[in-house]
């Protein structure tokens, strides 16, 4: 369990790295459609969203470890399914650059969280 928090930190760093390359360096206008207008996606939103996803994954894994001997396999399948569904979110990007950047951030966070947390699961 001691590796779970660092896994979340690495996921946050990975998504921030994508944001840093895309927004300040490449000049992508990172925004998504939401509600009545568009929402700019800044670094604080990236950190919060990634941390919340990581903590939710951690919580689910902890619950599964208490309920079943197959926690690792079940959690991995659920996490992979959630990642695939989350890739629908970037379709709300305001342009192709936003959509690509959002998709890359989802994939970066998902890969780190899935492989990092999976490695901490009791067998």
N, C-alpha and C. Protein backbone atom coordinates (compact mmCIF):
# COMPACT_ATOMS: atom_id res chain seq x y z
N UNK A 1 0.80 -1.20 0.00
CA UNK A 1 0.00 0.00 0.00
C UNK A 1 0.85 1.27 0.00
N UNK A 2 2.08 1.15 0.39
CA UNK A 2 2.92 2.35 0.45
C UNK A 2 3.24 2.88 -0.94
N UNK A 3 3.05 2.08 -1.98
CA UNK A 3 3.32 2.54 -3.35
C UNK A 3 2.11 3.19 -4.00
N UNK A 4 0.98 3.16 -3.36
CA UNK A 4 -0.24 3.69 -3.99
C UNK A 4 -0.23 5.21 -4.07
N UNK A 5 0.16 5.88 -3.02
CA UNK A 5 0.21 7.34 -3.06
C UNK A 5 1.25 7.83 -4.07
N UNK A 6 2.45 7.25 -4.10
CA UNK A 6 3.40 7.66 -5.13
C UNK A 6 2.89 7.39 -6.56
N UNK A 7 2.10 6.34 -6.73
CA UNK A 7 1.51 6.06 -8.03
C UNK A 7 0.60 7.21 -8.46
N UNK A 8 -0.20 7.70 -7.52
CA UNK A 8 -1.07 8.83 -7.83
C UNK A 8 -0.24 10.07 -8.15
N UNK A 9 0.82 10.28 -7.41
CA UNK A 9 1.70 11.43 -7.66
C UNK A 9 2.32 11.35 -9.05
N UNK A 10 2.73 10.16 -9.47
CA UNK A 10 3.31 9.99 -10.81
C UNK A 10 2.24 10.22 -11.88
N UNK A 11 1.03 9.77 -11.63
CA UNK A 11 -0.07 10.01 -12.58
C UNK A 11 -0.33 11.51 -12.72
N UNK A 12 -0.33 12.22 -11.61
CA UNK A 12 -0.51 13.68 -11.65
C UNK A 12 0.62 14.32 -12.44
N UNK A 13 1.85 13.89 -12.17
CA UNK A 13 3.00 14.45 -12.90
C UNK A 13 2.91 14.16 -14.39
N UNK A 14 2.44 12.97 -14.75
CA UNK A 14 2.32 12.61 -16.17
C UNK A 14 1.29 13.48 -16.88
N UNK A 15 0.14 13.70 -16.24
CA UNK A 15 -0.87 14.53 -16.89
C UNK A 15 -0.44 15.99 -16.95
N UNK A 16 0.25 16.45 -15.92
CA UNK A 16 0.77 17.82 -15.95
C UNK A 16 1.82 17.98 -17.03
N UNK A 17 2.63 16.95 -17.24
CA UNK A 17 3.64 17.01 -18.31
C UNK A 17 2.97 17.15 -19.67
N UNK A 18 1.90 16.39 -19.89
CA UNK A 18 1.16 16.52 -21.16
C UNK A 18 0.60 17.94 -21.28
N UNK A 19 0.02 18.46 -20.20
CA UNK A 19 -0.53 19.82 -20.22
C UNK A 19 0.56 20.84 -20.53
N UNK A 20 1.73 20.70 -19.88
CA UNK A 20 2.82 21.65 -20.09
C UNK A 20 3.32 21.66 -21.53
N UNK A 21 3.41 20.50 -22.12
CA UNK A 21 3.86 20.43 -23.52
C UNK A 21 2.79 21.00 -24.45
N UNK A 22 1.55 20.66 -24.19
CA UNK A 22 0.47 21.06 -25.11
C UNK A 22 0.09 22.53 -24.99
N UNK A 23 -0.06 23.02 -23.78
CA UNK A 23 -0.63 24.36 -23.62
C UNK A 23 0.43 25.45 -23.71
N UNK A 24 1.37 25.56 -22.76
CA UNK A 24 2.32 26.68 -22.88
C UNK A 24 3.33 26.52 -24.01
N UNK A 25 3.71 25.29 -24.32
CA UNK A 25 4.75 25.10 -25.34
C UNK A 25 4.16 25.04 -26.74
N UNK A 26 3.16 24.15 -26.95
CA UNK A 26 2.59 23.98 -28.29
C UNK A 26 1.47 24.98 -28.57
N UNK A 27 0.97 25.65 -27.55
CA UNK A 27 -0.05 26.66 -27.76
C UNK A 27 -1.46 26.14 -27.97
N UNK A 28 -1.75 24.94 -27.50
CA UNK A 28 -3.10 24.39 -27.62
C UNK A 28 -4.04 25.18 -26.72
N UNK A 29 -5.19 25.54 -27.27
CA UNK A 29 -6.25 26.19 -26.49
C UNK A 29 -7.04 25.06 -25.83
N UNK A 30 -6.65 24.70 -24.61
CA UNK A 30 -7.24 23.53 -23.95
C UNK A 30 -8.52 23.93 -23.24
N UNK A 31 -9.63 23.57 -23.85
CA UNK A 31 -10.95 23.87 -23.29
C UNK A 31 -11.91 22.77 -23.72
N UNK A 32 -12.94 22.62 -22.91
CA UNK A 32 -13.96 21.61 -23.20
C UNK A 32 -15.34 22.24 -23.11
N UNK A 33 -16.26 21.70 -23.88
CA UNK A 33 -17.64 22.16 -23.81
C UNK A 33 -18.27 21.61 -22.54
N UNK A 34 -19.01 22.44 -21.88
CA UNK A 34 -19.68 21.98 -20.66
C UNK A 34 -20.80 22.93 -20.27
N UNK A 35 -21.93 22.37 -19.93
CA UNK A 35 -23.04 23.20 -19.49
C UNK A 35 -23.44 24.23 -20.53
N UNK A 36 -23.33 25.49 -20.15
CA UNK A 36 -23.77 26.59 -21.02
C UNK A 36 -22.66 27.16 -21.88
N UNK A 37 -21.45 26.66 -21.75
CA UNK A 37 -20.36 27.24 -22.53
C UNK A 37 -19.14 26.34 -22.56
N UNK A 38 -17.98 26.97 -22.55
CA UNK A 38 -16.74 26.22 -22.55
C UNK A 38 -16.02 26.42 -21.22
N UNK A 39 -15.23 25.42 -20.87
CA UNK A 39 -14.48 25.43 -19.62
C UNK A 39 -13.00 25.30 -19.97
N UNK A 40 -12.20 26.27 -19.57
CA UNK A 40 -10.76 26.18 -19.77
C UNK A 40 -10.20 25.11 -18.84
N UNK A 41 -9.30 24.30 -19.35
CA UNK A 41 -8.69 23.24 -18.55
C UNK A 41 -7.28 23.69 -18.17
N UNK A 42 -7.15 24.13 -16.92
CA UNK A 42 -5.88 24.62 -16.42
C UNK A 42 -5.16 23.57 -15.59
N UNK A 43 -3.99 23.88 -15.11
CA UNK A 43 -3.19 22.91 -14.36
C UNK A 43 -3.85 22.47 -13.05
N UNK A 44 -4.58 23.36 -12.40
CA UNK A 44 -5.24 22.97 -11.15
C UNK A 44 -6.31 21.92 -11.43
N UNK A 45 -7.08 22.12 -12.48
CA UNK A 45 -8.11 21.14 -12.85
C UNK A 45 -7.47 19.80 -13.21
N UNK A 46 -6.33 19.84 -13.87
CA UNK A 46 -5.62 18.60 -14.25
C UNK A 46 -5.19 17.86 -13.00
N UNK A 47 -4.60 18.57 -12.05
CA UNK A 47 -4.14 17.94 -10.80
C UNK A 47 -5.31 17.35 -10.03
N UNK A 48 -6.37 18.12 -9.87
CA UNK A 48 -7.52 17.65 -9.09
C UNK A 48 -8.18 16.44 -9.75
N UNK A 49 -8.42 16.51 -11.05
CA UNK A 49 -9.08 15.40 -11.74
C UNK A 49 -8.25 14.13 -11.67
N UNK A 50 -6.95 14.25 -11.86
CA UNK A 50 -6.09 13.07 -11.82
C UNK A 50 -6.02 12.50 -10.42
N UNK A 51 -5.89 13.36 -9.42
CA UNK A 51 -5.82 12.89 -8.03
C UNK A 51 -7.13 12.21 -7.62
N UNK A 52 -8.25 12.78 -8.01
CA UNK A 52 -9.55 12.17 -7.68
C UNK A 52 -9.69 10.80 -8.34
N UNK A 53 -9.28 10.69 -9.61
CA UNK A 53 -9.34 9.40 -10.29
C UNK A 53 -8.45 8.37 -9.60
N UNK A 54 -7.25 8.79 -9.23
CA UNK A 54 -6.33 7.88 -8.54
C UNK A 54 -6.86 7.45 -7.19
N UNK A 55 -7.40 8.39 -6.43
CA UNK A 55 -7.94 8.05 -5.11
C UNK A 55 -9.17 7.15 -5.23
N UNK A 56 -9.99 7.37 -6.24
CA UNK A 56 -11.15 6.50 -6.46
C UNK A 56 -10.70 5.08 -6.81
N UNK A 57 -9.66 4.99 -7.65
CA UNK A 57 -9.13 3.68 -7.98
C UNK A 57 -8.56 2.98 -6.76
N UNK A 58 -7.86 3.72 -5.94
CA UNK A 58 -7.30 3.18 -4.69
C UNK A 58 -8.42 2.67 -3.79
N UNK A 59 -9.46 3.48 -3.62
CA UNK A 59 -10.58 3.09 -2.76
C UNK A 59 -11.25 1.82 -3.27
N UNK A 60 -11.49 1.74 -4.57
CA UNK A 60 -12.11 0.54 -5.12
C UNK A 60 -11.22 -0.68 -4.90
N UNK A 61 -9.93 -0.54 -5.13
CA UNK A 61 -9.02 -1.66 -4.93
C UNK A 61 -9.02 -2.10 -3.47
N UNK A 62 -9.02 -1.15 -2.54
CA UNK A 62 -9.03 -1.49 -1.12
C UNK A 62 -10.30 -2.25 -0.74
N UNK A 63 -11.44 -1.82 -1.27
CA UNK A 63 -12.70 -2.51 -0.99
C UNK A 63 -12.68 -3.92 -1.58
N UNK A 64 -12.23 -4.04 -2.81
CA UNK A 64 -12.18 -5.35 -3.44
C UNK A 64 -11.24 -6.30 -2.71
N UNK A 65 -10.13 -5.78 -2.20
CA UNK A 65 -9.19 -6.63 -1.46
C UNK A 65 -9.83 -7.20 -0.19
N UNK A 66 -10.78 -6.49 0.37
CA UNK A 66 -11.48 -6.98 1.56
C UNK A 66 -12.59 -7.97 1.22
N UNK A 67 -13.11 -7.87 0.00
CA UNK A 67 -14.28 -8.66 -0.36
C UNK A 67 -13.98 -9.93 -1.15
N UNK A 68 -12.85 -9.96 -1.85
CA UNK A 68 -12.61 -11.08 -2.75
C UNK A 68 -11.12 -11.40 -2.85
N UNK A 69 -10.86 -12.63 -3.22
CA UNK A 69 -9.47 -13.04 -3.46
C UNK A 69 -9.01 -12.64 -4.86
N UNK A 70 -9.95 -12.28 -5.71
CA UNK A 70 -9.62 -11.91 -7.09
C UNK A 70 -9.63 -10.40 -7.29
N UNK A 71 -9.28 -9.67 -6.24
CA UNK A 71 -9.33 -8.21 -6.28
C UNK A 71 -8.49 -7.65 -7.42
N UNK A 72 -7.31 -8.17 -7.60
CA UNK A 72 -6.41 -7.64 -8.64
C UNK A 72 -7.02 -7.77 -10.03
N UNK A 73 -7.53 -8.94 -10.35
CA UNK A 73 -8.10 -9.18 -11.68
C UNK A 73 -9.37 -8.35 -11.88
N UNK A 74 -10.23 -8.32 -10.88
CA UNK A 74 -11.48 -7.57 -11.00
C UNK A 74 -11.17 -6.08 -11.13
N UNK A 75 -10.28 -5.58 -10.27
CA UNK A 75 -9.94 -4.16 -10.30
C UNK A 75 -9.34 -3.77 -11.64
N UNK A 76 -8.45 -4.60 -12.17
CA UNK A 76 -7.82 -4.29 -13.45
C UNK A 76 -8.86 -4.21 -14.56
N UNK A 77 -9.80 -5.13 -14.57
CA UNK A 77 -10.85 -5.12 -15.59
C UNK A 77 -11.73 -3.88 -15.46
N UNK A 78 -12.11 -3.54 -14.24
CA UNK A 78 -12.95 -2.36 -14.01
C UNK A 78 -12.17 -1.09 -14.40
N UNK A 79 -10.92 -1.00 -13.98
CA UNK A 79 -10.10 0.18 -14.28
C UNK A 79 -9.92 0.35 -15.79
N UNK A 80 -9.68 -0.74 -16.49
CA UNK A 80 -9.53 -0.66 -17.95
C UNK A 80 -10.83 -0.21 -18.61
N UNK A 81 -11.95 -0.71 -18.12
CA UNK A 81 -13.26 -0.31 -18.66
C UNK A 81 -13.52 1.18 -18.39
N UNK A 82 -13.18 1.63 -17.19
CA UNK A 82 -13.37 3.05 -16.85
C UNK A 82 -12.48 3.91 -17.75
N UNK A 83 -11.25 3.48 -17.98
CA UNK A 83 -10.37 4.25 -18.88
C UNK A 83 -10.98 4.34 -20.28
N UNK A 84 -11.47 3.24 -20.80
CA UNK A 84 -12.07 3.26 -22.14
C UNK A 84 -13.27 4.20 -22.18
N UNK A 85 -14.12 4.15 -21.17
CA UNK A 85 -15.28 5.04 -21.12
C UNK A 85 -14.85 6.50 -20.96
N UNK A 86 -13.77 6.72 -20.21
CA UNK A 86 -13.31 8.10 -20.00
C UNK A 86 -12.84 8.74 -21.30
N UNK A 87 -12.47 7.93 -22.26
CA UNK A 87 -12.00 8.47 -23.54
C UNK A 87 -13.12 9.12 -24.35
N UNK A 88 -14.36 8.96 -23.90
CA UNK A 88 -15.47 9.68 -24.53
C UNK A 88 -15.43 11.15 -24.12
N UNK A 89 -14.90 11.44 -22.94
CA UNK A 89 -14.81 12.80 -22.43
C UNK A 89 -14.07 13.75 -23.34
N UNK A 90 -12.90 13.37 -23.85
CA UNK A 90 -12.16 14.28 -24.73
C UNK A 90 -12.91 14.69 -26.00
N UNK A 91 -13.95 13.97 -26.36
CA UNK A 91 -14.74 14.38 -27.52
C UNK A 91 -15.40 15.73 -27.30
N UNK A 92 -15.48 16.15 -26.02
CA UNK A 92 -16.04 17.46 -25.70
C UNK A 92 -15.05 18.59 -25.86
N UNK A 93 -13.83 18.28 -26.29
CA UNK A 93 -12.84 19.33 -26.53
C UNK A 93 -13.32 20.29 -27.60
N UNK A 94 -12.93 21.55 -27.48
CA UNK A 94 -13.45 22.56 -28.41
C UNK A 94 -12.83 22.49 -29.80
N UNK A 95 -11.72 21.80 -29.93
CA UNK A 95 -11.09 21.65 -31.25
C UNK A 95 -10.23 20.39 -31.23
N UNK A 96 -9.63 20.07 -32.35
CA UNK A 96 -8.86 18.83 -32.46
C UNK A 96 -7.68 18.82 -31.49
N UNK A 97 -7.03 19.97 -31.31
CA UNK A 97 -5.91 20.04 -30.37
C UNK A 97 -6.33 19.75 -28.95
N UNK A 98 -7.46 20.30 -28.56
CA UNK A 98 -8.00 20.03 -27.22
C UNK A 98 -8.37 18.55 -27.07
N UNK A 99 -9.02 18.01 -28.08
CA UNK A 99 -9.43 16.61 -28.01
C UNK A 99 -8.22 15.69 -27.89
N UNK A 100 -7.20 15.94 -28.69
CA UNK A 100 -5.99 15.11 -28.63
C UNK A 100 -5.30 15.25 -27.29
N UNK A 101 -5.16 16.46 -26.81
CA UNK A 101 -4.49 16.69 -25.52
C UNK A 101 -5.26 16.03 -24.39
N UNK A 102 -6.57 16.19 -24.37
CA UNK A 102 -7.38 15.57 -23.33
C UNK A 102 -7.28 14.04 -23.39
N UNK A 103 -7.31 13.49 -24.59
CA UNK A 103 -7.18 12.04 -24.73
C UNK A 103 -5.82 11.56 -24.23
N UNK A 104 -4.77 12.29 -24.55
CA UNK A 104 -3.43 11.92 -24.08
C UNK A 104 -3.34 11.99 -22.56
N UNK A 105 -3.98 12.98 -21.97
CA UNK A 105 -3.97 13.07 -20.50
C UNK A 105 -4.73 11.91 -19.87
N UNK A 106 -5.86 11.54 -20.46
CA UNK A 106 -6.61 10.39 -19.95
C UNK A 106 -5.78 9.12 -20.05
N UNK A 107 -5.13 8.93 -21.19
CA UNK A 107 -4.31 7.73 -21.38
C UNK A 107 -3.11 7.71 -20.44
N UNK A 108 -2.47 8.86 -20.24
CA UNK A 108 -1.32 8.92 -19.34
C UNK A 108 -1.74 8.59 -17.91
N UNK A 109 -2.80 9.23 -17.45
CA UNK A 109 -3.27 8.96 -16.08
C UNK A 109 -3.71 7.51 -15.94
N UNK A 110 -4.47 7.03 -16.91
CA UNK A 110 -4.96 5.65 -16.85
C UNK A 110 -3.85 4.63 -16.84
N UNK A 111 -2.86 4.81 -17.70
CA UNK A 111 -1.75 3.85 -17.75
C UNK A 111 -0.99 3.81 -16.44
N UNK A 112 -0.68 4.97 -15.91
CA UNK A 112 0.08 5.01 -14.65
C UNK A 112 -0.74 4.43 -13.51
N UNK A 113 -1.99 4.82 -13.41
CA UNK A 113 -2.83 4.33 -12.31
C UNK A 113 -3.07 2.83 -12.43
N UNK A 114 -3.40 2.36 -13.61
CA UNK A 114 -3.68 0.93 -13.77
C UNK A 114 -2.45 0.09 -13.48
N UNK A 115 -1.34 0.39 -14.12
CA UNK A 115 -0.16 -0.44 -13.90
C UNK A 115 0.45 -0.24 -12.52
N UNK A 116 0.40 0.98 -12.01
CA UNK A 116 0.95 1.24 -10.68
C UNK A 116 0.13 0.61 -9.57
N UNK A 117 -1.17 0.81 -9.59
CA UNK A 117 -2.04 0.25 -8.54
C UNK A 117 -2.12 -1.27 -8.65
N UNK A 118 -2.18 -1.77 -9.86
CA UNK A 118 -2.26 -3.21 -10.07
C UNK A 118 -1.09 -3.92 -9.40
N UNK A 119 0.08 -3.31 -9.48
CA UNK A 119 1.27 -3.89 -8.89
C UNK A 119 1.24 -3.91 -7.37
N UNK A 120 0.35 -3.12 -6.75
CA UNK A 120 0.28 -3.08 -5.30
C UNK A 120 -0.80 -4.01 -4.74
N UNK A 121 -1.62 -4.57 -5.61
CA UNK A 121 -2.75 -5.38 -5.15
C UNK A 121 -2.27 -6.68 -4.51
N UNK A 122 -2.97 -7.06 -3.45
CA UNK A 122 -2.67 -8.35 -2.84
C UNK A 122 -3.10 -9.46 -3.78
N UNK A 123 -2.32 -10.52 -3.77
CA UNK A 123 -2.60 -11.61 -4.71
C UNK A 123 -3.25 -12.77 -4.02
